Protein backbone atom coordinates (compact mmCIF):
# COMPACT_ATOMS: atom_id res chain seq x y z
CA MET A 1 151.40 13.95 115.94
CA PHE A 2 148.36 14.82 113.23
CA MET A 3 145.95 15.16 116.19
CA GLU A 4 148.13 17.12 117.64
CA LYS A 5 147.82 19.54 114.96
CA LYS A 6 144.10 19.12 114.79
CA LYS A 7 143.79 20.31 117.94
CA GLY A 8 145.34 23.65 118.27
CA ASN A 9 143.98 24.42 114.86
CA THR A 10 141.01 23.98 116.25
CA GLY A 11 142.19 26.36 119.59
CA PHE A 12 142.80 28.59 116.87
CA TRP A 13 139.60 29.20 115.13
CA ILE A 14 138.46 29.10 118.42
CA LEU A 15 140.17 32.00 119.76
CA LEU A 16 140.17 34.81 117.28
CA ALA A 17 136.13 33.55 116.52
CA VAL A 18 136.31 34.79 120.27
CA PHE A 19 138.22 38.10 119.36
CA GLY A 20 136.54 38.19 116.99
CA LEU A 21 133.63 38.82 118.13
CA LEU A 22 134.68 40.45 121.24
CA TRP A 23 135.98 43.27 118.07
CA LEU A 24 132.64 43.53 116.35
CA VAL A 25 131.19 43.68 119.59
CA LEU A 26 133.57 47.34 120.42
CA LEU A 27 133.00 48.14 117.12
CA GLU A 28 129.34 48.19 117.80
CA LEU A 29 129.10 50.01 121.01
CA ASN A 30 131.31 52.62 119.73
CA GLN A 31 129.15 53.35 116.48
CA ASN A 32 131.90 52.76 113.79
CA THR A 33 130.45 53.18 110.51
CA ILE A 34 130.15 50.85 107.82
CA LEU A 35 133.87 50.62 106.35
CA GLY A 36 135.10 49.87 109.85
CA TRP A 37 133.10 46.19 109.69
CA ILE A 38 134.41 45.43 106.53
CA LEU A 39 137.92 46.15 107.39
CA SER A 40 137.94 44.44 110.56
CA LEU A 41 136.91 41.55 109.00
CA GLY A 42 139.08 41.69 105.98
CA LEU A 43 141.80 42.34 108.04
CA LEU A 44 140.42 39.24 110.75
CA ALA A 45 139.60 36.86 107.05
CA GLY A 46 144.03 38.04 106.10
CA PHE A 47 145.15 36.91 109.90
CA ALA A 48 143.61 33.62 109.32
CA PHE A 49 144.82 32.69 105.99
CA LEU A 50 148.39 34.09 106.77
CA ARG A 51 148.57 32.05 110.18
CA GLN A 52 147.32 28.41 107.91
CA LYS A 53 149.36 28.90 104.70
CA LYS A 54 152.84 31.40 105.41
CA LEU A 55 152.88 30.78 109.52
CA ARG A 56 152.32 27.77 110.03
CA GLY A 57 155.93 26.79 110.39
CA CYS A 58 157.00 30.13 112.25
CA ARG A 59 158.24 30.06 115.28
CA GLY A 60 155.98 31.54 118.40
CA PHE A 61 157.69 34.58 118.65
CA VAL A 62 156.63 35.47 114.39
CA ARG A 63 152.99 34.12 115.05
CA VAL A 64 153.39 37.14 118.61
CA LEU A 65 154.08 39.75 116.59
CA ALA A 66 151.85 38.79 113.41
CA PHE A 67 149.61 39.07 116.18
CA LEU A 68 150.20 42.22 117.75
CA ALA A 69 150.49 43.35 113.81
CA LEU A 70 146.58 42.42 113.60
CA ALA A 71 146.24 44.14 116.62
CA GLY A 72 147.88 47.41 115.61
CA CYS A 73 146.00 47.46 112.48
CA LEU A 74 142.89 46.94 113.99
CA VAL A 75 143.44 49.75 117.01
CA LEU A 76 143.98 51.98 113.34
CA VAL A 77 140.24 50.83 112.31
CA LEU A 78 138.50 51.86 115.55
CA PHE A 79 139.93 54.94 114.92
CA VAL A 80 139.76 55.73 111.15
CA SER A 81 136.36 54.25 111.20
CA ARG A 82 134.63 56.48 113.91
CA GLY A 83 131.34 57.63 113.18
CA PRO A 84 131.51 61.30 111.68
CA VAL A 85 130.04 64.92 113.92
CA LYS A 86 126.95 64.84 112.40
CA ARG A 87 123.83 67.34 113.58
CA ARG A 88 119.97 65.70 114.16
CA PRO A 89 117.88 66.01 111.87
CA ALA A 90 114.68 67.17 114.05
CA VAL A 91 112.52 64.77 113.32
CA ALA A 92 113.46 61.04 113.51
CA GLY A 93 113.57 59.46 109.86
CA ALA A 94 111.20 60.34 107.59
CA ASN A 95 109.63 63.39 108.21
CA GLY A 96 106.58 64.35 106.08
CA GLY A 97 107.97 67.25 104.11
CA VAL A 98 109.08 71.40 104.43
CA THR A 99 106.30 73.70 106.03
CA ASP A 100 105.29 77.14 104.38
CA ILE A 101 107.52 79.42 105.39
CA VAL A 102 107.24 81.74 108.41
CA THR A 103 108.37 85.06 109.10
CA VAL A 104 110.50 86.04 112.15
CA ARG A 105 112.30 89.33 113.43
CA ASP A 106 115.64 88.25 112.14
CA GLY A 107 114.67 86.58 109.18
CA GLN A 108 112.59 83.81 107.17
CA LEU A 109 112.08 80.23 107.33
CA THR A 110 111.02 76.52 106.92
CA GLY A 111 110.52 73.35 108.69
CA VAL A 112 109.64 70.03 108.20
CA PHE A 113 106.72 68.34 109.25
CA THR A 114 106.71 64.67 111.20
CA GLU A 115 105.44 61.80 109.09
CA ASP A 116 101.82 62.27 109.16
CA ARG A 117 102.17 65.78 108.70
CA ALA A 118 100.79 66.37 112.70
CA VAL A 119 103.19 68.00 113.61
CA GLU A 120 105.75 70.91 112.36
CA VAL A 121 109.03 71.69 113.87
CA TYR A 122 111.71 73.36 113.59
CA ALA A 123 114.91 73.73 114.69
CA GLY A 124 118.23 75.47 115.10
CA ILE A 125 116.70 78.83 115.45
CA PRO A 126 119.71 81.46 116.58
CA TYR A 127 118.12 83.44 119.59
CA ALA A 128 121.50 84.99 120.29
CA ALA A 129 125.32 85.46 118.46
CA PRO A 130 127.24 83.18 118.98
CA PRO A 131 129.13 83.06 122.72
CA VAL A 132 132.49 82.64 120.51
CA GLY A 133 135.59 84.91 121.31
CA GLU A 134 134.72 88.66 123.03
CA LEU A 135 131.66 87.12 123.66
CA ARG A 136 132.62 84.38 125.79
CA TRP A 137 131.45 85.02 129.33
CA LYS A 138 129.32 87.88 128.53
CA GLU A 139 126.24 88.68 128.20
CA PRO A 140 123.94 87.27 125.20
CA GLN A 141 123.81 89.49 122.12
CA ASP A 142 120.94 89.64 119.85
CA PRO A 143 121.73 87.25 116.19
CA GLN A 144 122.39 88.32 113.16
CA PRO A 145 119.86 88.93 110.59
CA TRP A 146 120.47 86.10 107.80
CA GLU A 147 119.24 86.83 104.16
CA GLY A 148 117.41 84.03 102.86
CA VAL A 149 115.34 80.45 103.76
CA LEU A 150 117.32 79.57 106.76
CA ALA A 151 116.55 75.17 106.59
CA ALA A 152 115.56 74.81 110.06
CA ASP A 153 115.25 72.07 109.55
CA THR A 154 118.53 70.11 111.87
CA PHE A 155 118.76 70.56 114.86
CA ALA A 156 122.13 72.81 116.63
CA PRO A 157 125.16 71.22 118.11
CA MET A 158 124.89 70.57 122.38
CA SER A 159 126.28 73.36 124.32
CA MET A 160 129.79 72.26 124.51
CA GLN A 161 130.29 70.21 127.25
CA PRO A 162 132.60 67.33 128.44
CA ARG A 163 131.30 63.96 126.90
CA ASP A 164 132.34 60.18 127.97
CA SER A 165 132.87 58.60 125.81
CA THR A 166 130.67 56.44 123.26
CA VAL A 167 131.30 52.35 124.08
CA TYR A 168 130.91 54.29 127.78
CA SER A 169 127.86 56.13 126.68
CA SER A 170 126.46 52.77 124.61
CA LEU A 171 126.63 50.31 128.23
CA ALA A 172 124.74 52.92 129.98
CA GLN A 173 121.88 52.38 127.50
CA ILE A 174 122.32 48.50 128.34
CA VAL A 175 122.89 48.37 132.10
CA GLY A 176 120.81 51.95 132.56
CA TYR A 177 118.56 51.92 130.09
CA HIS A 178 117.83 48.86 129.03
CA ASP A 179 117.21 50.46 125.53
CA TYR A 180 120.31 49.91 123.51
CA ARG A 181 119.50 49.64 120.45
CA ILE A 182 121.05 47.65 117.34
CA SER A 183 121.44 50.32 114.49
CA ALA A 184 123.39 51.74 111.13
CA ARG A 185 121.66 55.18 111.87
CA ASP A 186 122.86 56.30 114.87
CA ASN A 187 126.97 55.95 113.70
CA PHE A 188 127.95 59.01 113.82
CA ARG A 189 129.30 61.37 116.95
CA ASP A 190 126.09 64.51 117.81
CA ALA A 191 128.30 67.51 117.16
CA CYS A 192 128.87 70.18 120.13
CA SER A 193 130.04 73.82 119.86
CA GLU A 194 130.66 76.99 121.85
CA ASP A 195 127.89 78.04 119.39
CA ALA A 196 124.91 76.18 120.66
CA LEU A 197 122.23 78.99 120.94
CA TYR A 198 119.37 78.36 119.18
CA LEU A 199 115.90 77.31 119.98
CA ASN A 200 113.57 74.57 118.44
CA ILE A 201 110.43 74.39 118.45
CA TRP A 202 107.47 72.22 117.89
CA LYS A 203 103.81 73.09 116.89
CA PRO A 204 99.94 71.58 115.56
CA ALA A 205 100.38 71.57 111.87
CA GLY A 206 98.45 74.53 109.90
CA GLU A 207 97.35 77.38 110.52
CA GLN A 208 96.77 78.24 114.42
CA GLU A 209 96.27 80.98 116.34
CA LYS A 210 96.82 81.07 120.50
CA LEU A 211 98.64 78.21 120.94
CA PRO A 212 99.79 77.69 124.62
CA VAL A 213 103.27 77.86 124.18
CA LEU A 214 105.58 75.51 127.16
CA VAL A 215 109.33 76.16 127.64
CA TYR A 216 111.40 73.60 128.58
CA ILE A 217 114.53 73.82 129.32
CA HIS A 218 116.72 70.65 130.04
CA GLY A 219 118.69 69.39 132.88
CA GLY A 220 122.10 67.95 133.05
CA SER A 221 123.06 69.96 136.23
CA LEU A 222 124.48 72.64 134.77
CA GLN A 223 127.74 70.49 133.20
CA THR A 224 125.51 68.88 130.30
CA GLY A 225 122.85 68.05 127.78
CA GLN A 226 120.37 68.79 125.38
CA PRO A 227 117.50 69.62 123.98
CA TRP A 228 116.86 67.08 121.30
CA TYR A 229 116.82 64.47 123.50
CA ALA A 230 113.93 61.68 122.52
CA ASP A 231 112.39 61.96 126.17
CA TYR A 232 111.32 65.58 126.36
CA ARG A 233 111.42 66.74 122.47
CA GLY A 234 107.45 68.58 122.12
CA GLU A 235 106.19 66.07 119.91
CA GLY A 236 103.70 64.55 122.29
CA LEU A 237 102.79 68.01 123.63
CA ALA A 238 102.34 69.33 120.22
CA ARG A 239 99.74 66.07 119.10
CA LYS A 240 97.81 67.61 121.95
CA GLY A 241 97.51 71.90 120.76
CA ILE A 242 100.44 72.97 122.61
CA LEU A 243 103.71 74.31 120.80
CA VAL A 244 106.31 73.87 122.47
CA VAL A 245 109.51 75.73 122.65
CA ASN A 246 113.57 74.26 124.28
CA MET A 247 116.90 75.59 123.81
CA GLY A 248 120.34 74.85 123.85
CA TYR A 249 122.02 77.46 126.82
CA ARG A 250 125.64 77.62 128.17
CA LEU A 251 126.71 75.09 130.74
CA GLY A 252 129.47 74.52 132.56
CA VAL A 253 133.08 77.09 132.75
CA PHE A 254 130.87 78.90 129.58
CA GLY A 255 128.10 79.09 131.35
CA PHE A 256 128.74 79.87 135.17
CA LEU A 257 132.46 81.13 135.94
CA ALA A 258 132.32 83.98 138.03
CA SER A 259 135.44 86.81 138.02
CA GLU A 260 135.07 90.03 138.86
CA GLU A 261 137.45 91.12 136.17
CA LEU A 262 134.32 89.67 133.72
CA ALA A 263 131.65 92.21 136.38
CA ALA A 264 133.71 94.77 136.14
CA GLU A 265 134.12 95.16 132.08
CA SER A 266 130.08 94.43 132.04
CA PRO A 267 127.44 97.45 131.29
CA SER A 268 125.19 95.04 133.92
CA GLY A 269 127.56 94.38 136.35
CA THR A 270 127.05 90.32 135.74
CA THR A 271 129.24 87.63 136.10
CA GLY A 272 128.61 83.20 137.01
CA ASN A 273 125.05 83.54 135.41
CA TYR A 274 125.49 83.10 131.25
CA GLY A 275 122.97 80.24 131.21
CA LEU A 276 120.64 81.91 132.60
CA LEU A 277 120.90 85.02 131.04
CA ASP A 278 120.82 82.89 127.64
CA GLN A 279 117.64 81.65 128.50
CA ILE A 280 116.51 84.88 129.59
CA LYS A 281 117.37 85.51 126.10
CA ALA A 282 115.69 82.31 124.68
CA LEU A 283 111.99 84.00 126.80
CA GLN A 284 112.91 87.65 125.22
CA TRP A 285 112.84 86.02 121.68
CA VAL A 286 109.95 83.58 122.56
CA GLN A 287 107.77 87.10 123.45
CA ASP A 288 109.00 88.30 119.89
CA ASN A 289 108.58 85.74 117.30
CA ILE A 290 106.24 82.47 119.06
CA ALA A 291 103.28 84.39 117.59
CA ALA A 292 104.53 84.06 114.01
CA PHE A 293 104.18 80.11 114.69
CA GLY A 294 100.59 80.47 116.35
CA GLY A 295 102.27 80.53 119.92
CA ASP A 296 100.29 82.87 122.52
CA PRO A 297 102.76 85.28 124.11
CA GLU A 298 101.06 86.05 126.56
CA ASN A 299 100.12 82.29 127.58
CA VAL A 300 103.42 80.94 128.22
CA THR A 301 104.57 78.11 130.74
CA LEU A 302 107.71 77.86 132.14
CA ALA A 303 108.86 73.80 132.70
CA GLY A 304 112.37 71.60 133.02
CA GLU A 305 113.73 68.58 134.93
CA SER A 306 116.74 68.36 137.93
CA ALA A 307 119.17 71.48 137.57
CA GLY A 308 116.68 72.58 133.90
CA SER A 309 114.19 73.07 137.11
CA VAL A 310 116.47 74.80 139.86
CA CYS A 311 116.54 77.69 136.97
CA ILE A 312 112.78 77.56 136.69
CA SER A 313 112.97 78.36 140.58
CA ALA A 314 114.98 80.75 140.29
CA LEU A 315 113.55 82.77 136.92
CA CYS A 316 110.34 82.91 138.68
CA THR A 317 112.21 85.07 141.47
CA SER A 318 114.31 86.45 138.47
CA PRO A 319 113.68 90.59 138.08
CA LEU A 320 114.37 90.01 134.21
CA ALA A 321 111.94 87.36 133.32
CA LYS A 322 109.22 89.04 135.07
CA GLY A 323 106.33 89.52 132.54
CA LEU A 324 108.06 86.42 130.17
CA PHE A 325 105.81 83.40 131.54
CA ARG A 326 102.84 83.04 133.58
CA ARG A 327 103.03 79.53 135.38
CA ALA A 328 105.78 77.30 135.68
CA ILE A 329 106.15 73.13 136.17
CA GLY A 330 109.57 72.02 137.60
CA GLU A 331 110.96 68.29 137.90
CA SER A 332 113.00 66.41 140.13
CA SER A 333 114.58 69.45 141.74
CA SER A 334 114.79 73.11 143.48
CA ALA A 335 116.38 76.23 144.55
CA SER A 336 113.72 77.53 146.68
CA ALA A 337 115.25 76.09 150.02
CA PRO A 338 117.04 78.14 151.76
CA GLN A 339 120.53 76.28 151.49
CA PRO A 340 119.64 74.45 148.01
CA ALA A 341 120.59 71.49 148.02
CA HIS A 342 122.11 71.81 144.56
CA SER A 343 123.40 73.39 141.13
CA PHE A 344 123.58 76.73 144.18
CA ARG A 345 126.20 78.67 145.48
CA SER A 346 127.28 82.06 146.93
CA LEU A 347 128.65 85.14 144.71
CA GLU A 348 132.17 84.28 147.31
CA GLN A 349 131.84 80.19 146.34
CA ALA A 350 132.06 82.13 142.89
CA LEU A 351 134.35 84.03 142.31
CA ARG A 352 136.95 81.85 144.79
CA THR A 353 135.80 79.07 141.73
CA GLY A 354 136.71 81.64 139.26
CA GLU A 355 139.54 82.21 141.12
CA GLU A 356 141.00 78.34 140.75
CA THR A 357 140.13 78.34 137.42
CA LEU A 358 142.44 80.30 136.27
CA ALA A 359 144.81 79.02 138.12
CA ARG A 360 144.34 75.63 136.59
CA PHE A 361 144.71 76.67 133.12
CA GLY A 362 147.94 78.84 134.61
CA ALA A 363 146.13 81.53 133.21
CA SER A 364 146.56 85.39 135.09
CA SER A 365 143.60 87.11 133.25
CA ILE A 366 140.37 86.95 131.66
CA ALA A 367 141.59 87.60 128.38
CA GLU A 368 143.96 85.12 128.67
CA LEU A 369 140.88 82.32 128.84
CA ARG A 370 139.33 84.29 126.43
CA GLN A 371 142.21 82.88 124.10
CA MET A 372 142.47 79.33 125.24
CA ASP A 373 140.26 76.63 123.27
CA ALA A 374 137.08 75.89 124.14
CA GLY A 375 137.77 71.68 124.12
CA GLN A 376 140.52 72.51 126.92
CA LEU A 377 138.30 74.37 128.72
CA VAL A 378 135.20 72.73 129.26
CA GLU A 379 137.70 70.21 131.51
CA ALA A 380 136.58 73.17 134.56
CA ALA A 381 133.00 72.37 134.13
CA ASP A 382 133.60 70.26 137.55
CA ILE A 383 134.25 73.06 139.35
CA ASN A 384 131.87 76.11 137.38
CA HIS A 385 128.08 74.76 137.29
CA HIS A 386 125.68 76.57 139.94
CA LEU A 387 123.98 79.76 139.40
CA THR A 388 124.33 82.90 142.01
CA VAL A 389 123.56 85.80 143.03
CA ASP A 390 124.81 87.65 140.75
CA GLY A 391 122.34 91.25 141.93
CA TYR A 392 121.60 91.43 138.39
CA ALA A 393 119.68 88.09 137.21
CA LEU A 394 118.93 86.77 140.37
CA GLU A 395 119.42 90.40 142.98
CA GLU A 396 118.62 87.62 146.03
CA THR A 397 118.14 84.14 146.65
CA PRO A 398 115.10 82.61 145.38
CA PHE A 399 113.93 82.04 148.71
CA GLU A 400 115.02 85.22 150.01
CA ALA A 401 112.40 86.74 146.94
CA TYR A 402 109.51 84.41 147.82
CA ARG A 403 109.48 85.18 151.33
CA SER A 404 109.58 88.64 150.59
CA GLY A 405 106.37 88.76 148.57
CA ARG A 406 108.52 88.95 144.95
CA HIS A 407 108.20 85.60 142.50
CA ASN A 408 106.63 85.52 138.64
CA GLU A 409 104.88 82.23 138.02
CA GLU A 410 100.91 82.90 139.20
CA ALA A 411 100.99 79.38 139.60
CA CYS A 412 102.99 76.07 140.40
CA LEU A 413 102.89 72.41 139.08
CA GLN A 414 106.17 70.27 140.34
CA GLY A 415 107.23 66.93 142.19
CA PHE A 416 109.31 63.98 142.01
CA ASN A 417 110.34 61.34 141.95
CA ALA A 418 110.03 57.79 144.02
CA GLY A 419 113.53 56.61 142.85
CA GLU A 420 115.35 59.94 142.26
CA SER A 421 118.31 59.06 144.33
CA ALA A 422 119.11 55.63 142.68
CA PRO A 423 121.52 56.72 139.40
CA PHE A 424 122.92 59.00 142.69
CA ILE A 425 123.97 56.70 144.65
CA LEU A 426 124.53 53.91 142.81
CA PHE A 427 128.26 53.17 143.74
CA ALA A 428 128.18 54.32 147.04
CA GLN A 429 125.04 52.39 148.30
CA ALA A 430 124.90 51.69 152.44
CA ASN A 431 124.91 48.62 154.17
CA LEU A 432 124.17 47.45 157.90
CA ARG A 433 128.29 48.22 158.78
CA ASN A 434 128.16 52.12 156.91
CA TYR A 435 124.57 53.15 157.52
CA GLU A 436 124.92 55.15 160.97
CA GLN A 437 128.07 56.78 160.14
CA LYS A 438 126.88 58.39 156.40
CA VAL A 439 123.74 58.94 158.35
CA ARG A 440 125.61 60.57 161.73
CA ASP A 441 128.68 62.59 158.58
CA TYR A 442 125.83 64.69 157.59
CA PHE A 443 123.17 65.05 159.91
CA GLY A 444 125.68 66.04 162.92
CA GLU A 445 123.25 67.13 165.55
CA TYR A 446 119.92 65.69 163.88
CA ALA A 447 121.18 61.79 163.69
CA ASP A 448 119.97 60.34 166.35
CA GLU A 449 116.19 61.87 164.90
CA VAL A 450 117.23 60.28 161.54
CA LEU A 451 118.20 57.05 162.50
CA ALA A 452 114.72 57.06 164.99
CA LEU A 453 112.98 57.37 161.67
CA TYR A 454 115.19 55.56 159.19
CA PRO A 455 116.47 52.59 161.42
CA ALA A 456 117.53 49.61 159.50
CA SER A 457 118.82 46.11 161.03
CA THR A 458 119.98 44.56 158.37
CA ASP A 459 121.55 45.71 154.39
CA ALA A 460 119.05 45.86 152.63
CA GLU A 461 116.94 48.00 155.18
CA ALA A 462 120.39 49.96 155.73
CA ARG A 463 120.17 50.65 151.38
CA ALA A 464 116.77 51.47 151.64
CA GLN A 465 116.38 54.17 154.01
CA TRP A 466 119.81 55.57 152.90
CA ALA A 467 118.51 56.20 149.11
CA ASP A 468 115.26 57.46 150.49
CA ILE A 469 117.24 60.33 152.91
CA TYR A 470 119.37 61.12 149.59
CA SER A 471 116.05 61.71 148.11
CA ALA A 472 114.27 63.90 150.73
CA VAL A 473 118.11 65.96 151.31
CA TYR A 474 118.64 66.34 147.84
CA PHE A 475 115.95 66.29 146.04
CA THR A 476 112.24 66.38 147.48
CA TYR A 477 112.97 68.58 149.83
CA GLY A 478 112.99 71.27 147.51
CA HIS A 479 109.80 70.44 146.15
CA TYR A 480 108.23 71.13 149.39
CA CYS A 481 109.95 74.28 149.91
CA TRP A 482 108.64 76.06 147.10
CA THR A 483 104.98 74.03 147.70
CA ARG A 484 104.50 76.42 150.86
CA GLN A 485 106.65 79.51 149.46
CA ALA A 486 103.48 78.95 147.02
CA LEU A 487 100.96 78.87 150.08
CA ALA A 488 102.46 81.99 151.35
CA ASN A 489 102.00 84.00 148.55
CA GLY A 490 98.60 83.03 147.19
CA PHE A 491 98.98 81.11 144.43
CA PRO A 492 98.01 77.56 144.22
CA ALA A 493 100.64 74.74 143.98
CA TYR A 494 100.29 71.05 142.43
CA GLU A 495 102.60 68.61 143.59
CA TYR A 496 103.05 65.81 142.30
CA TYR A 497 104.63 62.27 142.91
CA PHE A 498 105.75 59.65 140.53
CA THR A 499 105.94 55.97 141.11
CA LYS A 500 105.38 53.88 138.18
CA THR A 501 107.92 50.93 137.59
CA ASN A 502 108.41 49.86 133.28
CA GLY A 503 111.47 47.80 131.84
CA ARG A 504 113.34 50.95 131.23
CA LEU A 505 114.40 53.82 134.05
CA GLY A 506 111.31 53.10 136.09
CA PRO A 507 110.51 56.42 139.04
CA TRP A 508 114.69 56.85 138.86
CA HIS A 509 116.08 60.64 138.27
CA SER A 510 114.28 61.44 134.64
CA GLY A 511 111.67 58.64 134.63
CA GLU A 512 108.63 60.56 134.71
CA GLU A 513 109.45 63.04 131.26
CA VAL A 514 108.75 60.34 128.79
CA TYR A 515 105.14 60.12 130.67
CA CYS A 516 105.04 63.56 130.90
CA TYR A 517 105.63 64.36 127.94
CA ASP A 518 103.57 61.59 126.01
CA ASN A 519 106.46 60.83 124.03
CA ILE A 520 106.73 56.34 124.52
CA PRO A 521 107.81 55.14 121.21
CA GLU A 522 105.01 53.40 119.82
CA ASP A 523 107.32 49.84 118.94
CA SER A 524 109.36 50.15 122.66
CA LYS A 525 108.31 46.68 124.32
CA LEU A 526 109.86 48.30 127.76
CA TYR A 527 106.42 49.99 128.29
CA ASP A 528 102.73 48.21 129.07
CA ALA A 529 99.66 49.35 128.22
CA ALA A 530 99.39 51.07 132.05
CA ASP A 531 102.29 52.45 131.25
CA ARG A 532 100.57 54.21 127.46
CA LYS A 533 97.27 55.40 129.81
CA LEU A 534 99.82 57.24 132.15
CA ALA A 535 101.82 58.64 129.73
CA ASP A 536 98.32 60.68 127.59
CA CYS A 537 97.50 61.16 131.57
CA PHE A 538 100.55 62.80 132.67
CA SER A 539 100.59 64.97 129.76
CA ASP A 540 96.68 65.23 129.51
CA TYR A 541 98.06 67.13 133.47
CA PHE A 542 100.56 69.34 131.81
CA ALA A 543 98.31 70.72 128.61
CA ASN A 544 95.95 71.47 131.15
CA PHE A 545 97.86 73.32 133.29
CA ALA A 546 100.07 74.93 130.09
CA ARG A 547 95.90 75.98 129.33
CA THR A 548 94.80 77.36 132.10
CA GLY A 549 96.99 76.82 135.10
CA ASP A 550 94.76 73.89 136.27
CA PRO A 551 95.74 70.58 135.30
CA ASN A 552 91.95 68.88 135.42
CA GLY A 553 90.22 67.84 133.27
CA GLU A 554 87.09 65.87 131.68
CA GLY A 555 88.13 61.34 132.70
CA LEU A 556 90.93 62.47 135.18
CA ALA A 557 91.26 62.11 138.55
CA GLN A 558 91.19 64.99 140.41
CA TRP A 559 94.12 67.11 141.52
CA SER A 560 93.86 69.06 144.01
CA PRO A 561 96.40 71.99 144.66
CA SER A 562 97.88 71.97 148.17
CA SER A 563 96.44 73.51 151.23
CA THR A 564 99.19 72.04 153.67
CA GLY A 565 102.58 71.34 151.93
CA ILE A 566 102.23 67.64 152.33
CA GLU A 567 99.44 66.64 149.99
CA VAL A 568 100.55 64.84 145.81
CA MET A 569 99.10 63.53 143.47
CA GLY A 570 100.56 60.01 143.12
CA LEU A 571 100.35 58.74 139.48
CA ASP A 572 101.57 55.70 138.92
CA ALA A 573 99.18 52.62 137.17
CA GLU A 574 96.25 54.79 139.39
CA GLN A 575 96.00 58.41 140.05
CA GLY A 576 94.98 60.00 143.42
CA MET A 577 95.75 62.58 146.54
CA ARG A 578 98.37 60.73 148.78
CA GLU A 579 100.70 61.99 151.56
CA ASP A 580 104.30 63.15 150.75
CA PRO A 581 106.18 59.40 151.66
CA TYR A 582 108.70 62.13 152.89
CA TYR A 583 107.20 64.60 155.30
CA PRO A 584 108.06 63.27 158.47
CA ILE A 585 112.17 64.54 157.54
CA TYR A 586 111.28 67.64 156.59
CA ASP A 587 110.83 69.30 160.22
CA ILE A 588 114.45 68.45 160.52
CA LEU A 589 115.54 70.16 157.13
CA ASP A 590 113.45 72.77 157.91
CA ARG A 591 115.85 73.12 160.99
CA MET A 592 118.75 72.36 159.43
CA ASN A 593 118.45 74.62 156.80
CA GLY A 594 117.04 77.35 159.28
CA TRP A 595 113.63 77.82 157.59
CA ALA A 596 111.42 79.80 159.16
CA ALA A 597 107.58 79.65 159.18
């Protein structure tokens, strides 16, 4: 009998220990506060005490009830101890103190230095009025001047957007990025708000004049994203003499809802491009104010990645953006094809989606939608995240504008990565059984040509071939179009192909950003010396292009502008010109898209 009790106690302690460990892992992944850990450990210890001292002779159902009570209390703790909502500091960790006062059009402000005082950071500067209430779905308005000195030391909330659970986001960092860190500093939730039209500035410290300016637009399918993400913050380029600006802009239904009612109430007759208009408003702010920080308003380069790059290619043909910048950098997307692969739609499609949005919420007018809570409306981002030809911000598609010789950039630098498709087909990969059908479903009458170019006889070949085809269709072909449009319009196009592997994202979609903005963390073991050398090289190319429109410089491999549309700079441990690996499929895509040379 004694041995049976001992075995029972041993089993209990093992189960309690396993349960407790799993629970503490959940608290970490959910980024709960220290209070949650203390309460949870207290509850687990209390349950163990009761089990041994009070419940030992009780019937089984009493013990079950006690365990259910423990589980209920722990769930309550999970919610009670959730991390508070906070805004991120402009400088992660310790900063080097407050900057001198800077005077801009709307008031005075101060920023903060990085810890080594080499870079000044100004975060959360309003460039437009909060687009809330009656200003929801209106063109951006001027911000109200402020009194006193604004402490621009904290990033503004991210724009209103659908958000994954904290646990899901943590697991994504572990599985996708491999860079999850256990820390007591991240037990908070990032602020999210409609009131998000603010910009951030990184500049070399001290008195500066005529610095080249790079304005960055973040990606996220025009549904998600934030301007403070570590991979593309401006600190790295600021250390190389570039003044970097980025901004929040309206996303999803708040940035891209289209409606005839909205067009009728607009003084410019626009609808569907509010997020793009926000970006133009930020560029106008830069023209009016950047000299106060030592920047040169006559030497502005636009840059963006993914959907941000789609916006760049649109701004390159927007009449409203003319004169607001000189050059363009586009990473991993473009709207330059005759039929853009994503993030773009016709006005007719946009208006139909607007009607669907009204119906989804049971609203009969825009006035009713304006009365609704933003947290409810945000779920309509899934059908409202595309640019459109509104007749105002975009008078025609980028393809049509380039064909007519209308564009705003005098040079472009753009390109793509070897693994662009990887995150998008992660759960929809091909195998030998379904590969041919996937190709036929997309390419129709052109399928036999594609299958001849990309044959597969094993599951591994089918998986790899479909990944390449997907990358070409949705990402690389748009850059090929953009390069040819540059050639036709007589301005240089420098195109790249990023292939460097590492312990993190490697050459997946967005994997290049930590390199070209020179933001590899000093203490990260996911990158080696070759990665750091490439980051120095890639960011030098960006910095040189922002200065002069030519990425080349001393100590760098020669990057030639394209002369035929298929030359790209290979960026890996070694750099050098090579042929676009996706070139063979472009002729088929030209015919499918209706490209006329």
